[in-house]
């Protein structure tokens, strides 16, 4: 746990100066949208860190920042889903057949398709990057509506927590968020793993 926190702290400090600099520029809202959109697809930059920088620079604009971040990250999740769907149709099925992983893939699909809304809702609160769940959703061909609504719920709550903590505690919000979210993430991960084990072994799914 401490090593994970240390890694996150280092990555956050490297990007913090860039975020602070751009938070005071005229096109800050554009950069927030871009960071939030690409975060759901490929970018390692966390929009939550940029949200903190923006809140410190212009706290009265929190509704505008939160709305922009949520809308653009949902758009990114939608694009990521369809990218993964396209890649699977092109390369996924032949690879599964070649490595004889058809049954394992069917099991994974059953677990996620049957609980896609819950899975995507808690995705933002696990140690696993959201991008993994986003691409998994596309690869597995889960239903889009519960996928995107679940992701919308989880991501909105996560970003709203960051905005609230920043308004209340300032830059210290990052430390509070990272430290508490990791413990909560560990709990969620354990519960999900236990749930999957029960279904796999007791129900033969």
N, C-alpha and C. Protein backbone atom coordinates (compact mmCIF):
# COMPACT_ATOMS: atom_id res chain seq x y z
N UNK A 1 0.82 -1.20 0.00
CA UNK A 1 0.00 0.00 0.00
C UNK A 1 0.86 1.26 0.00
N UNK A 2 1.91 1.27 0.82
CA UNK A 2 2.79 2.44 0.90
C UNK A 2 3.52 2.68 -0.42
N UNK A 3 3.93 1.60 -1.10
CA UNK A 3 4.63 1.75 -2.37
C UNK A 3 3.70 2.33 -3.43
N UNK A 4 2.43 1.94 -3.40
CA UNK A 4 1.45 2.48 -4.35
C UNK A 4 1.26 3.97 -4.09
N UNK A 5 1.14 4.34 -2.83
CA UNK A 5 0.97 5.75 -2.47
C UNK A 5 2.17 6.57 -2.91
N UNK A 6 3.39 6.01 -2.70
CA UNK A 6 4.62 6.70 -3.09
C UNK A 6 4.66 6.93 -4.60
N UNK A 7 4.27 5.92 -5.36
CA UNK A 7 4.26 6.03 -6.83
C UNK A 7 3.29 7.11 -7.28
N UNK A 8 2.09 7.12 -6.69
CA UNK A 8 1.09 8.11 -7.05
C UNK A 8 1.55 9.51 -6.68
N UNK A 9 2.19 9.64 -5.51
CA UNK A 9 2.69 10.95 -5.08
C UNK A 9 3.72 11.49 -6.07
N UNK A 10 4.63 10.62 -6.52
CA UNK A 10 5.67 11.04 -7.47
C UNK A 10 5.06 11.49 -8.79
N UNK A 11 4.12 10.69 -9.32
CA UNK A 11 3.49 11.02 -10.59
C UNK A 11 2.68 12.31 -10.48
N UNK A 12 2.04 12.49 -9.34
CA UNK A 12 1.22 13.68 -9.14
C UNK A 12 2.08 14.95 -9.11
N UNK A 13 3.23 14.87 -8.43
CA UNK A 13 4.10 16.04 -8.33
C UNK A 13 4.67 16.43 -9.69
N UNK A 14 4.93 15.45 -10.55
CA UNK A 14 5.48 15.74 -11.87
C UNK A 14 4.49 16.51 -12.74
N UNK A 15 3.22 16.21 -12.57
CA UNK A 15 2.21 16.88 -13.39
C UNK A 15 1.61 18.11 -12.72
N UNK A 16 1.83 18.27 -11.41
CA UNK A 16 1.20 19.36 -10.67
C UNK A 16 1.58 20.73 -11.21
N UNK A 17 2.86 20.96 -11.49
CA UNK A 17 3.30 22.27 -11.98
C UNK A 17 2.64 22.62 -13.31
N UNK A 18 2.53 21.63 -14.17
CA UNK A 18 1.89 21.87 -15.47
C UNK A 18 0.43 22.24 -15.28
N UNK A 19 -0.25 21.54 -14.40
CA UNK A 19 -1.66 21.83 -14.14
C UNK A 19 -1.85 23.23 -13.55
N UNK A 20 -1.00 23.58 -12.60
CA UNK A 20 -1.11 24.90 -11.96
C UNK A 20 -0.90 26.01 -12.99
N UNK A 21 0.10 25.82 -13.85
CA UNK A 21 0.38 26.82 -14.89
C UNK A 21 -0.81 27.01 -15.82
N UNK A 22 -1.41 25.89 -16.27
CA UNK A 22 -2.50 25.98 -17.23
C UNK A 22 -3.83 26.34 -16.58
N UNK A 23 -3.93 26.20 -15.27
CA UNK A 23 -5.17 26.57 -14.58
C UNK A 23 -5.41 28.06 -14.64
N UNK A 24 -4.36 28.85 -14.81
CA UNK A 24 -4.48 30.30 -14.85
C UNK A 24 -4.55 30.85 -16.26
N UNK A 25 -4.56 29.98 -17.25
CA UNK A 25 -4.59 30.44 -18.63
C UNK A 25 -6.02 30.52 -19.17
N UNK A 26 -6.23 31.31 -20.22
CA UNK A 26 -7.59 31.51 -20.76
C UNK A 26 -8.25 30.22 -21.25
N UNK A 27 -7.45 29.26 -21.73
CA UNK A 27 -8.01 28.03 -22.30
C UNK A 27 -7.98 26.87 -21.30
N UNK A 28 -8.06 27.19 -20.03
CA UNK A 28 -8.00 26.15 -18.99
C UNK A 28 -9.13 25.13 -19.13
N UNK A 29 -10.32 25.61 -19.50
CA UNK A 29 -11.47 24.72 -19.63
C UNK A 29 -11.26 23.72 -20.77
N UNK A 30 -10.64 24.19 -21.84
CA UNK A 30 -10.33 23.29 -22.96
C UNK A 30 -9.36 22.21 -22.53
N UNK A 31 -8.32 22.60 -21.78
CA UNK A 31 -7.33 21.63 -21.33
C UNK A 31 -7.95 20.62 -20.36
N UNK A 32 -8.86 21.08 -19.51
CA UNK A 32 -9.54 20.16 -18.61
C UNK A 32 -10.34 19.13 -19.40
N UNK A 33 -11.06 19.60 -20.42
CA UNK A 33 -11.83 18.69 -21.25
C UNK A 33 -10.96 17.70 -21.97
N UNK A 34 -9.83 18.17 -22.50
CA UNK A 34 -8.91 17.30 -23.22
C UNK A 34 -8.29 16.25 -22.29
N UNK A 35 -7.85 16.70 -21.12
CA UNK A 35 -7.25 15.76 -20.15
C UNK A 35 -8.28 14.72 -19.70
N UNK A 36 -9.51 15.15 -19.44
CA UNK A 36 -10.55 14.24 -18.98
C UNK A 36 -10.93 13.24 -20.08
N UNK A 37 -11.01 13.72 -21.31
CA UNK A 37 -11.36 12.86 -22.45
C UNK A 37 -10.30 11.80 -22.70
N UNK A 38 -9.05 12.23 -22.79
CA UNK A 38 -7.97 11.29 -23.10
C UNK A 38 -7.64 10.37 -21.93
N UNK A 39 -7.95 10.81 -20.70
CA UNK A 39 -7.71 9.96 -19.54
C UNK A 39 -8.47 8.65 -19.64
N UNK A 40 -9.67 8.71 -20.21
CA UNK A 40 -10.50 7.51 -20.33
C UNK A 40 -10.03 6.58 -21.45
N UNK A 41 -9.08 7.05 -22.27
CA UNK A 41 -8.63 6.25 -23.41
C UNK A 41 -7.17 5.82 -23.28
N UNK A 42 -6.28 6.81 -23.07
CA UNK A 42 -4.86 6.46 -23.10
C UNK A 42 -3.99 7.30 -22.19
N UNK A 43 -4.38 8.54 -21.89
CA UNK A 43 -3.51 9.47 -21.17
C UNK A 43 -3.28 9.07 -19.71
N UNK A 44 -2.05 9.24 -19.21
CA UNK A 44 -1.77 8.96 -17.80
C UNK A 44 -2.06 10.15 -16.88
N UNK A 45 -2.41 11.30 -17.47
CA UNK A 45 -2.70 12.49 -16.67
C UNK A 45 -4.08 12.38 -16.02
N UNK A 46 -4.14 12.58 -14.71
CA UNK A 46 -5.40 12.44 -13.99
C UNK A 46 -6.16 13.76 -13.97
N UNK A 47 -7.39 13.79 -14.47
CA UNK A 47 -8.16 15.03 -14.47
C UNK A 47 -8.47 15.53 -13.06
N UNK A 48 -8.49 14.63 -12.07
CA UNK A 48 -8.75 15.05 -10.69
C UNK A 48 -7.69 16.02 -10.19
N UNK A 49 -6.45 15.79 -10.59
CA UNK A 49 -5.37 16.69 -10.18
C UNK A 49 -5.56 18.07 -10.81
N UNK A 50 -5.96 18.08 -12.06
CA UNK A 50 -6.22 19.35 -12.74
C UNK A 50 -7.42 20.06 -12.10
N UNK A 51 -8.42 19.27 -11.69
CA UNK A 51 -9.58 19.86 -11.01
C UNK A 51 -9.16 20.59 -9.74
N UNK A 52 -8.23 20.01 -9.00
CA UNK A 52 -7.74 20.65 -7.78
C UNK A 52 -7.06 21.96 -8.12
N UNK A 53 -6.20 21.95 -9.14
CA UNK A 53 -5.49 23.17 -9.54
C UNK A 53 -6.47 24.25 -9.98
N UNK A 54 -7.49 23.87 -10.73
CA UNK A 54 -8.49 24.82 -11.19
C UNK A 54 -9.31 25.38 -10.03
N UNK A 55 -9.66 24.52 -9.10
CA UNK A 55 -10.45 24.95 -7.94
C UNK A 55 -9.67 25.94 -7.09
N UNK A 56 -8.37 25.73 -6.97
CA UNK A 56 -7.54 26.65 -6.20
C UNK A 56 -7.41 27.99 -6.90
N UNK A 57 -7.40 27.95 -8.24
CA UNK A 57 -7.27 29.18 -9.01
C UNK A 57 -8.59 29.95 -9.08
N UNK A 58 -9.70 29.24 -9.29
CA UNK A 58 -11.01 29.89 -9.45
C UNK A 58 -12.08 29.04 -8.75
N UNK A 59 -12.15 29.08 -7.44
CA UNK A 59 -13.09 28.22 -6.71
C UNK A 59 -14.56 28.47 -7.03
N UNK A 60 -14.90 29.67 -7.47
CA UNK A 60 -16.31 29.98 -7.77
C UNK A 60 -16.80 29.35 -9.07
N UNK A 61 -15.88 28.76 -9.85
CA UNK A 61 -16.27 28.13 -11.11
C UNK A 61 -16.39 26.60 -11.00
N UNK A 62 -16.58 26.11 -9.80
CA UNK A 62 -16.54 24.66 -9.57
C UNK A 62 -17.60 23.91 -10.37
N UNK A 63 -18.79 24.50 -10.54
CA UNK A 63 -19.84 23.81 -11.31
C UNK A 63 -19.44 23.65 -12.77
N UNK A 64 -18.83 24.68 -13.32
CA UNK A 64 -18.38 24.62 -14.71
C UNK A 64 -17.29 23.58 -14.89
N UNK A 65 -16.36 23.56 -13.97
CA UNK A 65 -15.26 22.59 -14.05
C UNK A 65 -15.76 21.16 -13.89
N UNK A 66 -16.61 20.93 -12.90
CA UNK A 66 -17.11 19.58 -12.65
C UNK A 66 -17.93 19.08 -13.82
N UNK A 67 -18.80 19.93 -14.36
CA UNK A 67 -19.62 19.54 -15.50
C UNK A 67 -18.77 19.19 -16.72
N UNK A 68 -17.78 20.04 -17.00
CA UNK A 68 -16.89 19.80 -18.14
C UNK A 68 -16.13 18.48 -17.99
N UNK A 69 -15.59 18.26 -16.80
CA UNK A 69 -14.81 17.04 -16.55
C UNK A 69 -15.67 15.79 -16.70
N UNK A 70 -16.88 15.83 -16.18
CA UNK A 70 -17.76 14.65 -16.25
C UNK A 70 -18.18 14.37 -17.69
N UNK A 71 -18.62 15.39 -18.40
CA UNK A 71 -19.09 15.20 -19.78
C UNK A 71 -17.98 14.66 -20.68
N UNK A 72 -16.80 15.25 -20.58
CA UNK A 72 -15.71 14.84 -21.47
C UNK A 72 -15.15 13.46 -21.12
N UNK A 73 -15.14 13.12 -19.83
CA UNK A 73 -14.63 11.79 -19.48
C UNK A 73 -15.62 10.71 -19.90
N UNK A 74 -16.92 11.02 -19.87
CA UNK A 74 -17.93 10.07 -20.34
C UNK A 74 -17.79 9.89 -21.86
N UNK A 75 -17.54 11.00 -22.56
CA UNK A 75 -17.32 10.91 -24.00
C UNK A 75 -16.10 10.05 -24.30
N UNK A 76 -15.04 10.22 -23.50
CA UNK A 76 -13.84 9.39 -23.67
C UNK A 76 -14.12 7.92 -23.43
N UNK A 77 -14.95 7.62 -22.43
CA UNK A 77 -15.30 6.23 -22.14
C UNK A 77 -16.09 5.61 -23.28
N UNK A 78 -16.95 6.41 -23.91
CA UNK A 78 -17.72 5.92 -25.05
C UNK A 78 -16.80 5.62 -26.23
N UNK A 79 -15.87 6.52 -26.51
CA UNK A 79 -14.92 6.32 -27.61
C UNK A 79 -14.03 5.10 -27.32
N UNK A 80 -13.55 4.99 -26.08
CA UNK A 80 -12.72 3.85 -25.71
C UNK A 80 -13.44 2.53 -25.88
N UNK A 81 -14.71 2.51 -25.55
CA UNK A 81 -15.54 1.31 -25.70
C UNK A 81 -15.60 0.88 -27.16
N UNK A 82 -15.85 1.82 -28.06
CA UNK A 82 -15.98 1.48 -29.47
C UNK A 82 -14.63 1.17 -30.12
N UNK A 83 -13.57 1.78 -29.62
CA UNK A 83 -12.24 1.41 -30.10
C UNK A 83 -11.95 -0.05 -29.75
N UNK A 84 -12.25 -0.43 -28.51
CA UNK A 84 -12.02 -1.80 -28.06
C UNK A 84 -12.90 -2.78 -28.83
N UNK A 85 -14.13 -2.39 -29.10
CA UNK A 85 -15.03 -3.25 -29.87
C UNK A 85 -14.48 -3.50 -31.26
N UNK A 86 -14.00 -2.45 -31.91
CA UNK A 86 -13.43 -2.56 -33.25
C UNK A 86 -12.19 -3.45 -33.24
N UNK A 87 -11.31 -3.23 -32.24
CA UNK A 87 -10.08 -4.03 -32.16
C UNK A 87 -10.39 -5.50 -31.92
N UNK A 88 -11.41 -5.76 -31.10
CA UNK A 88 -11.76 -7.16 -30.83
C UNK A 88 -12.29 -7.84 -32.08
N UNK A 89 -13.13 -7.15 -32.82
CA UNK A 89 -13.68 -7.74 -34.04
C UNK A 89 -12.58 -8.03 -35.05
N UNK A 90 -11.55 -7.17 -35.05
CA UNK A 90 -10.46 -7.34 -36.01
C UNK A 90 -9.45 -8.40 -35.58
N UNK A 91 -9.10 -8.41 -34.28
CA UNK A 91 -8.00 -9.27 -33.83
C UNK A 91 -8.37 -10.21 -32.68
N UNK A 92 -9.39 -9.86 -31.90
CA UNK A 92 -9.68 -10.61 -30.68
C UNK A 92 -10.11 -12.03 -30.89
N UNK A 93 -11.09 -12.25 -31.73
CA UNK A 93 -11.63 -13.60 -31.93
C UNK A 93 -10.58 -14.57 -32.49
N UNK A 94 -9.78 -14.17 -33.49
CA UNK A 94 -8.74 -15.08 -33.97
C UNK A 94 -7.71 -15.44 -32.89
N UNK A 95 -7.35 -14.47 -32.05
CA UNK A 95 -6.39 -14.73 -30.98
C UNK A 95 -6.97 -15.69 -29.94
N UNK A 96 -8.23 -15.51 -29.59
CA UNK A 96 -8.86 -16.41 -28.62
C UNK A 96 -8.90 -17.85 -29.15
N UNK A 97 -9.23 -17.97 -30.41
CA UNK A 97 -9.28 -19.30 -31.02
C UNK A 97 -7.89 -19.93 -31.08
N UNK A 98 -6.89 -19.12 -31.41
CA UNK A 98 -5.52 -19.63 -31.52
C UNK A 98 -5.00 -20.15 -30.19
N UNK A 99 -5.29 -19.43 -29.10
CA UNK A 99 -4.80 -19.81 -27.77
C UNK A 99 -5.81 -20.65 -26.99
N UNK A 100 -6.92 -21.02 -27.62
CA UNK A 100 -7.94 -21.86 -26.99
C UNK A 100 -8.47 -21.23 -25.70
N UNK A 101 -8.76 -19.94 -25.76
CA UNK A 101 -9.25 -19.22 -24.60
C UNK A 101 -10.73 -18.87 -24.72
N UNK A 102 -11.42 -19.56 -25.59
CA UNK A 102 -12.83 -19.25 -25.83
C UNK A 102 -13.67 -19.41 -24.57
N UNK A 103 -13.42 -20.51 -23.82
CA UNK A 103 -14.21 -20.77 -22.62
C UNK A 103 -13.92 -19.73 -21.54
N UNK A 104 -12.65 -19.41 -21.35
CA UNK A 104 -12.28 -18.42 -20.34
C UNK A 104 -12.88 -17.06 -20.68
N UNK A 105 -12.87 -16.73 -21.96
CA UNK A 105 -13.44 -15.46 -22.38
C UNK A 105 -14.95 -15.43 -22.15
N UNK A 106 -15.61 -16.56 -22.41
CA UNK A 106 -17.06 -16.64 -22.18
C UNK A 106 -17.40 -16.46 -20.71
N UNK A 107 -16.54 -17.02 -19.82
CA UNK A 107 -16.76 -16.87 -18.38
C UNK A 107 -16.61 -15.41 -17.96
N UNK A 108 -15.55 -14.76 -18.45
CA UNK A 108 -15.33 -13.35 -18.13
C UNK A 108 -16.47 -12.49 -18.66
N UNK A 109 -16.93 -12.81 -19.84
CA UNK A 109 -18.03 -12.05 -20.42
C UNK A 109 -19.29 -12.20 -19.57
N UNK A 110 -19.55 -13.42 -19.11
CA UNK A 110 -20.74 -13.65 -18.28
C UNK A 110 -20.69 -12.82 -17.00
N UNK A 111 -19.52 -12.80 -16.36
CA UNK A 111 -19.38 -12.06 -15.10
C UNK A 111 -19.60 -10.57 -15.30
N UNK A 112 -19.03 -10.02 -16.37
CA UNK A 112 -19.14 -8.58 -16.57
C UNK A 112 -20.46 -8.18 -17.19
N UNK A 113 -20.94 -8.97 -18.16
CA UNK A 113 -22.20 -8.63 -18.81
C UNK A 113 -23.34 -8.69 -17.81
N UNK A 114 -23.31 -9.68 -16.92
CA UNK A 114 -24.38 -9.83 -15.94
C UNK A 114 -24.39 -8.76 -14.87
N UNK A 115 -23.26 -8.09 -14.69
CA UNK A 115 -23.15 -7.09 -13.63
C UNK A 115 -22.41 -5.85 -14.13
N UNK A 116 -22.67 -5.48 -15.36
CA UNK A 116 -21.89 -4.41 -15.98
C UNK A 116 -22.11 -3.06 -15.30
N UNK A 117 -23.34 -2.76 -14.91
CA UNK A 117 -23.60 -1.46 -14.28
C UNK A 117 -22.82 -1.33 -12.98
N UNK A 118 -22.89 -2.35 -12.13
CA UNK A 118 -22.18 -2.33 -10.84
C UNK A 118 -20.68 -2.29 -11.06
N UNK A 119 -20.21 -3.11 -12.01
CA UNK A 119 -18.78 -3.16 -12.30
C UNK A 119 -18.24 -1.79 -12.70
N UNK A 120 -18.93 -1.12 -13.61
CA UNK A 120 -18.46 0.18 -14.08
C UNK A 120 -18.64 1.26 -13.01
N UNK A 121 -19.66 1.11 -12.15
CA UNK A 121 -19.89 2.10 -11.10
C UNK A 121 -18.76 2.09 -10.08
N UNK A 122 -18.22 0.89 -9.78
CA UNK A 122 -17.15 0.80 -8.79
C UNK A 122 -15.77 0.87 -9.42
N UNK A 123 -15.70 0.91 -10.76
CA UNK A 123 -14.41 0.92 -11.45
C UNK A 123 -13.53 2.09 -11.02
N UNK A 124 -14.15 3.24 -10.77
CA UNK A 124 -13.39 4.43 -10.39
C UNK A 124 -12.89 4.37 -8.95
N UNK A 125 -13.28 3.33 -8.23
CA UNK A 125 -12.89 3.21 -6.82
C UNK A 125 -12.09 1.94 -6.57
N UNK A 126 -11.44 1.44 -7.60
CA UNK A 126 -10.58 0.28 -7.46
C UNK A 126 -9.14 0.68 -7.79
N UNK A 127 -8.15 -0.15 -7.40
CA UNK A 127 -6.75 0.16 -7.73
C UNK A 127 -6.46 0.03 -9.23
N UNK A 128 -7.39 -0.56 -9.98
CA UNK A 128 -7.20 -0.79 -11.40
C UNK A 128 -7.60 0.46 -12.18
N UNK A 129 -6.77 0.94 -13.12
CA UNK A 129 -7.13 2.12 -13.91
C UNK A 129 -8.45 1.93 -14.66
N UNK A 130 -9.21 2.99 -14.77
CA UNK A 130 -10.50 2.93 -15.46
C UNK A 130 -10.37 2.40 -16.88
N UNK A 131 -9.25 2.71 -17.53
CA UNK A 131 -9.05 2.31 -18.92
C UNK A 131 -9.16 0.80 -19.08
N UNK A 132 -8.76 0.05 -18.07
CA UNK A 132 -8.85 -1.42 -18.15
C UNK A 132 -10.31 -1.84 -18.26
N UNK A 133 -11.17 -1.26 -17.45
CA UNK A 133 -12.59 -1.59 -17.49
C UNK A 133 -13.24 -1.10 -18.78
N UNK A 134 -12.81 0.07 -19.24
CA UNK A 134 -13.37 0.63 -20.47
C UNK A 134 -13.08 -0.27 -21.66
N UNK A 135 -11.82 -0.67 -21.80
CA UNK A 135 -11.47 -1.55 -22.92
C UNK A 135 -12.03 -2.95 -22.75
N UNK A 136 -12.12 -3.41 -21.51
CA UNK A 136 -12.73 -4.72 -21.27
C UNK A 136 -14.19 -4.72 -21.70
N UNK A 137 -14.88 -3.61 -21.42
CA UNK A 137 -16.28 -3.51 -21.83
C UNK A 137 -16.44 -3.64 -23.32
N UNK A 138 -15.57 -2.98 -24.08
CA UNK A 138 -15.62 -3.08 -25.53
C UNK A 138 -15.25 -4.44 -26.04
N UNK A 139 -14.19 -5.02 -25.50
CA UNK A 139 -13.75 -6.35 -25.91
C UNK A 139 -14.83 -7.40 -25.64
N UNK A 140 -15.47 -7.28 -24.47
CA UNK A 140 -16.46 -8.28 -24.07
C UNK A 140 -17.83 -8.03 -24.71
N UNK A 141 -17.99 -6.89 -25.32
CA UNK A 141 -19.26 -6.60 -25.98
C UNK A 141 -20.42 -6.42 -25.03
N UNK A 142 -20.16 -5.80 -23.87
CA UNK A 142 -21.24 -5.59 -22.90
C UNK A 142 -22.25 -4.58 -23.44
N UNK A 143 -23.45 -4.60 -22.90
CA UNK A 143 -24.47 -3.64 -23.33
C UNK A 143 -24.02 -2.22 -23.00
N UNK A 144 -24.15 -1.35 -23.98
CA UNK A 144 -23.58 -0.01 -23.84
C UNK A 144 -24.28 0.84 -22.78
N UNK A 145 -25.60 0.78 -22.71
CA UNK A 145 -26.32 1.67 -21.79
C UNK A 145 -25.95 1.44 -20.32
N UNK A 146 -26.04 0.20 -19.81
CA UNK A 146 -25.61 0.01 -18.41
C UNK A 146 -24.12 0.27 -18.21
N UNK A 147 -23.33 0.02 -19.25
CA UNK A 147 -21.89 0.30 -19.19
C UNK A 147 -21.63 1.78 -18.96
N UNK A 148 -22.24 2.62 -19.79
CA UNK A 148 -21.94 4.06 -19.74
C UNK A 148 -22.63 4.71 -18.54
N UNK A 149 -23.82 4.25 -18.16
CA UNK A 149 -24.49 4.84 -16.99
C UNK A 149 -23.77 4.47 -15.70
N UNK A 150 -23.27 3.24 -15.63
CA UNK A 150 -22.50 2.83 -14.45
C UNK A 150 -21.22 3.63 -14.34
N UNK A 151 -20.54 3.82 -15.46
CA UNK A 151 -19.31 4.61 -15.45
C UNK A 151 -19.61 6.07 -15.10
N UNK A 152 -20.70 6.59 -15.63
CA UNK A 152 -21.11 7.97 -15.33
C UNK A 152 -21.31 8.15 -13.82
N UNK A 153 -21.99 7.21 -13.20
CA UNK A 153 -22.26 7.30 -11.77
C UNK A 153 -20.96 7.29 -10.96
N UNK A 154 -20.11 6.30 -11.21
CA UNK A 154 -18.88 6.17 -10.44
C UNK A 154 -17.93 7.33 -10.64
N UNK A 155 -17.76 7.73 -11.89
CA UNK A 155 -16.81 8.80 -12.20
C UNK A 155 -17.32 10.15 -11.67
N UNK A 156 -18.64 10.37 -11.76
CA UNK A 156 -19.20 11.63 -11.26
C UNK A 156 -19.01 11.75 -9.76
N UNK A 157 -19.26 10.65 -9.04
CA UNK A 157 -19.08 10.67 -7.59
C UNK A 157 -17.62 10.94 -7.24
N UNK A 158 -16.71 10.27 -7.95
CA UNK A 158 -15.28 10.45 -7.68
C UNK A 158 -14.84 11.90 -7.89
N UNK A 159 -15.25 12.49 -9.01
CA UNK A 159 -14.86 13.87 -9.30
C UNK A 159 -15.54 14.85 -8.35
N UNK A 160 -16.77 14.57 -7.98
CA UNK A 160 -17.48 15.44 -7.05
C UNK A 160 -16.80 15.44 -5.67
N UNK A 161 -16.31 14.27 -5.27
CA UNK A 161 -15.59 14.17 -4.00
C UNK A 161 -14.34 15.05 -4.03
N UNK A 162 -13.61 15.01 -5.15
CA UNK A 162 -12.39 15.81 -5.29
C UNK A 162 -12.71 17.30 -5.22
N UNK A 163 -13.76 17.71 -5.92
CA UNK A 163 -14.16 19.12 -5.91
C UNK A 163 -14.56 19.55 -4.50
N UNK A 164 -15.33 18.71 -3.82
CA UNK A 164 -15.77 19.05 -2.46
C UNK A 164 -14.58 19.16 -1.51
N UNK A 165 -13.68 18.18 -1.56
CA UNK A 165 -12.53 18.19 -0.66
C UNK A 165 -11.62 19.39 -0.93
N UNK A 166 -11.49 19.76 -2.20
CA UNK A 166 -10.65 20.92 -2.53
C UNK A 166 -11.26 22.20 -1.98
N UNK A 167 -12.57 22.33 -2.14
CA UNK A 167 -13.24 23.51 -1.60
C UNK A 167 -13.12 23.61 -0.10
N UNK A 168 -13.03 22.47 0.55
CA UNK A 168 -12.98 22.45 2.02
C UNK A 168 -11.56 22.49 2.57
N UNK A 169 -10.63 21.76 1.91
CA UNK A 169 -9.28 21.61 2.46
C UNK A 169 -8.16 22.15 1.59
N UNK A 170 -8.47 22.68 0.39
CA UNK A 170 -7.43 23.20 -0.48
C UNK A 170 -6.58 22.10 -1.10
N UNK A 171 -5.30 22.38 -1.32
CA UNK A 171 -4.42 21.40 -1.98
C UNK A 171 -4.27 20.11 -1.17
N UNK A 172 -4.52 20.18 0.11
CA UNK A 172 -4.45 19.00 0.96
C UNK A 172 -5.47 17.94 0.52
N UNK A 173 -6.44 18.35 -0.28
CA UNK A 173 -7.47 17.43 -0.76
C UNK A 173 -6.87 16.26 -1.53
N UNK A 174 -5.79 16.52 -2.28
CA UNK A 174 -5.15 15.45 -3.05
C UNK A 174 -4.64 14.35 -2.13
N UNK A 175 -3.98 14.75 -1.06
CA UNK A 175 -3.45 13.76 -0.12
C UNK A 175 -4.58 12.98 0.55
N UNK A 176 -5.63 13.70 0.95
CA UNK A 176 -6.77 13.04 1.59
C UNK A 176 -7.43 12.07 0.63
N UNK A 177 -7.63 12.50 -0.61
CA UNK A 177 -8.31 11.65 -1.59
C UNK A 177 -7.50 10.39 -1.89
N UNK A 178 -6.20 10.56 -2.16
CA UNK A 178 -5.37 9.42 -2.51
C UNK A 178 -5.29 8.41 -1.38
N UNK A 179 -5.09 8.89 -0.16
CA UNK A 179 -4.89 7.97 0.96
C UNK A 179 -6.16 7.23 1.34
N UNK A 180 -7.29 7.93 1.32
CA UNK A 180 -8.53 7.26 1.69
C UNK A 180 -9.09 6.41 0.55
N UNK A 181 -8.91 6.87 -0.68
CA UNK A 181 -9.45 6.12 -1.81
C UNK A 181 -8.71 4.81 -2.00
N UNK A 182 -7.43 4.77 -1.64
CA UNK A 182 -6.69 3.52 -1.78
C UNK A 182 -7.19 2.46 -0.79
N UNK A 183 -7.49 2.88 0.42
CA UNK A 183 -8.04 1.92 1.39
C UNK A 183 -9.42 1.46 0.96
N UNK A 184 -10.23 2.37 0.48
CA UNK A 184 -11.55 2.01 -0.01
C UNK A 184 -11.43 1.11 -1.23
N UNK A 185 -10.45 1.41 -2.09
CA UNK A 185 -10.23 0.60 -3.29
C UNK A 185 -9.86 -0.83 -2.92
N UNK A 186 -9.00 -0.97 -1.92
CA UNK A 186 -8.60 -2.32 -1.49
C UNK A 186 -9.80 -3.12 -1.02
N UNK A 187 -10.69 -2.48 -0.27
CA UNK A 187 -11.89 -3.15 0.21
C UNK A 187 -12.79 -3.57 -0.95
N UNK A 188 -13.00 -2.67 -1.90
CA UNK A 188 -13.83 -2.98 -3.07
C UNK A 188 -13.23 -4.13 -3.86
N UNK A 189 -11.92 -4.09 -4.05
CA UNK A 189 -11.24 -5.13 -4.82
C UNK A 189 -11.40 -6.50 -4.15
N UNK A 190 -11.26 -6.55 -2.84
CA UNK A 190 -11.42 -7.80 -2.10
C UNK A 190 -12.84 -8.34 -2.23
N UNK A 191 -13.82 -7.45 -2.10
CA UNK A 191 -15.22 -7.86 -2.21
C UNK A 191 -15.54 -8.39 -3.60
N UNK A 192 -15.03 -7.70 -4.64
CA UNK A 192 -15.27 -8.16 -6.00
C UNK A 192 -14.61 -9.50 -6.28
N UNK A 193 -13.39 -9.67 -5.77
CA UNK A 193 -12.67 -10.93 -5.96
C UNK A 193 -13.42 -12.07 -5.27
N UNK A 194 -13.90 -11.82 -4.05
CA UNK A 194 -14.66 -12.83 -3.32
C UNK A 194 -15.95 -13.18 -4.03
N UNK A 195 -16.62 -12.17 -4.56
CA UNK A 195 -17.87 -12.38 -5.30
C UNK A 195 -17.63 -13.25 -6.53
N UNK A 196 -16.55 -12.95 -7.26
CA UNK A 196 -16.24 -13.72 -8.47
C UNK A 196 -15.91 -15.16 -8.13
N UNK A 197 -15.16 -15.37 -7.05
CA UNK A 197 -14.78 -16.73 -6.65
C UNK A 197 -16.01 -17.55 -6.29
N UNK A 198 -16.93 -16.94 -5.55
CA UNK A 198 -18.16 -17.64 -5.16
C UNK A 198 -18.95 -18.07 -6.39
N UNK A 199 -19.08 -17.17 -7.36
CA UNK A 199 -19.85 -17.51 -8.55
C UNK A 199 -19.15 -18.54 -9.43
N UNK A 200 -17.84 -18.46 -9.47
CA UNK A 200 -17.11 -19.41 -10.31
C UNK A 200 -17.12 -20.83 -9.74
N UNK A 201 -16.98 -20.95 -8.41
CA UNK A 201 -16.81 -22.27 -7.81
C UNK A 201 -18.11 -22.87 -7.28
N UNK A 202 -19.00 -22.04 -6.77
CA UNK A 202 -20.24 -22.58 -6.21
C UNK A 202 -21.31 -22.75 -7.26
N UNK A 203 -21.34 -21.85 -8.24
CA UNK A 203 -22.40 -21.89 -9.25
C UNK A 203 -21.91 -22.38 -10.60
N UNK A 204 -20.58 -22.63 -10.68
CA UNK A 204 -20.03 -23.19 -11.92
C UNK A 204 -20.14 -22.26 -13.11
N UNK A 205 -20.08 -20.92 -12.84
CA UNK A 205 -20.19 -19.95 -13.93
C UNK A 205 -18.83 -19.64 -14.52
